[in-house]
Protein backbone atom coordinates (compact mmCIF):
# COMPACT_ATOMS: atom_id res chain seq x y z
CA UNK A 1 6.78 71.34 62.70
CA UNK A 2 6.31 73.38 65.92
CA UNK A 3 2.78 74.69 66.81
CA UNK A 4 2.40 78.22 66.12
CA UNK A 5 2.40 80.49 69.18
CA UNK A 6 0.95 83.96 69.12
CA UNK A 7 1.70 86.73 71.54
CA UNK A 8 -0.42 90.02 71.62
CA UNK A 9 1.39 93.17 70.23
CA UNK A 10 0.61 96.87 70.34
CA UNK A 11 1.55 99.87 68.32
CA UNK A 12 -0.56 102.08 70.89
CA UNK A 13 -3.15 102.65 68.30
CA UNK A 14 -3.86 98.98 66.96
CA UNK A 15 -2.95 95.60 68.30
CA UNK A 16 -1.95 92.64 66.41
CA UNK A 17 -0.33 89.03 67.06
CA UNK A 18 3.23 87.83 66.80
CA UNK A 19 3.83 84.67 64.92
CA UNK A 20 6.68 82.84 66.29
CA UNK A 21 7.30 80.55 63.35
CA UNK A 22 7.71 83.19 60.67
CA UNK A 23 8.73 86.28 62.90
CA UNK A 24 6.05 88.59 61.58
CA UNK A 25 3.54 91.01 62.81
CA UNK A 26 0.15 91.42 61.49
CA UNK A 27 -2.89 93.82 62.74
CA UNK A 28 -0.77 96.86 62.69
CA UNK A 29 -2.91 98.57 59.82
CA UNK A 30 -2.97 98.12 56.23
CA UNK A 31 -0.21 100.57 55.49
CA UNK A 32 2.45 98.62 57.81
CA UNK A 33 4.08 95.30 57.82
CA UNK A 34 7.13 94.39 60.14
CA UNK A 35 9.23 91.08 60.00
CA UNK A 36 12.56 90.01 61.19
CA UNK A 37 15.28 87.56 60.25
CA UNK A 38 15.58 86.32 63.91
CA UNK A 39 13.48 86.31 67.00
CA UNK A 40 13.95 89.91 68.45
CA UNK A 41 12.24 92.60 70.34
CA UNK A 42 11.08 95.33 67.93
CA UNK A 43 9.70 98.76 69.18
CA UNK A 44 8.71 101.35 66.27
CA UNK A 45 7.70 104.68 67.73
CA UNK A 46 6.24 107.26 65.36
CA UNK A 47 8.29 110.70 65.28
CA UNK A 48 6.78 113.17 62.78
CA UNK A 49 7.18 111.68 59.38
CA UNK A 50 9.75 109.35 60.58
CA UNK A 51 10.33 106.05 62.84
CA UNK A 52 12.45 105.31 65.66
CA UNK A 53 13.12 101.48 65.32
CA UNK A 54 14.64 100.03 68.65
CA UNK A 55 15.61 96.39 68.33
CA UNK A 56 16.75 94.15 71.16
CA UNK A 57 18.16 90.60 71.38
CA UNK A 58 16.19 88.81 73.99
CA UNK A 59 18.88 86.27 74.19
CA UNK A 60 21.18 88.93 75.80
CA UNK A 61 24.13 88.41 72.96
CA UNK A 62 23.44 85.13 70.92
CA UNK A 63 22.64 87.16 67.88
CA UNK A 64 25.16 89.51 66.25
CA UNK A 65 23.27 90.91 63.68
CA UNK A 66 19.76 90.81 62.08
CA UNK A 67 17.55 92.47 59.47
CA UNK A 68 14.10 94.19 60.49
CA UNK A 69 11.84 94.54 57.38
CA UNK A 70 9.23 97.36 57.41
CA UNK A 71 7.07 97.37 54.44
CA UNK A 72 9.65 95.05 52.66
CA UNK A 73 12.44 97.44 53.12
CA UNK A 74 15.40 95.91 55.05
CA UNK A 75 17.00 97.70 57.80
CA UNK A 76 20.44 95.98 59.12
CA UNK A 77 20.77 96.07 62.69
CA UNK A 78 24.31 95.14 64.32
CA UNK A 79 23.87 94.39 68.03
CA UNK A 80 26.85 95.76 70.50
CA UNK A 81 29.48 93.58 71.76
CA UNK A 82 31.66 93.88 74.75
CA UNK A 83 30.56 96.05 77.86
CA UNK A 84 27.52 97.29 75.77
CA UNK A 85 26.15 93.56 74.92
CA UNK A 86 22.74 93.08 75.30
CA UNK A 87 21.88 96.89 75.04
CA UNK A 88 18.94 97.94 72.65
CA UNK A 89 19.84 99.35 69.16
CA UNK A 90 17.69 102.24 67.89
CA UNK A 91 17.74 103.48 64.23
CA UNK A 92 15.99 106.51 62.88
CA UNK A 93 14.32 105.44 59.71
CA UNK A 94 11.65 106.98 57.12
């Protein structure tokens, strides 16, 4: 089993760590958990009572789809292809 590698993350108000083995973020507060099916870059921005969820494939195209779970709710993300390959996908979620 590979060693766990942690990377610091921030949501502007709180910081946590990224566990590369189980693709989950901790330390964002007791009211939020974030998990992904694949290694990807996730940005959450609070917009009133909604969230803007931006997801990017750091491998620039090896992932075609993934799921991002926020508080256990799955959000399907389909990455662009063709000329838009590698661009960030942004979803408006509650």
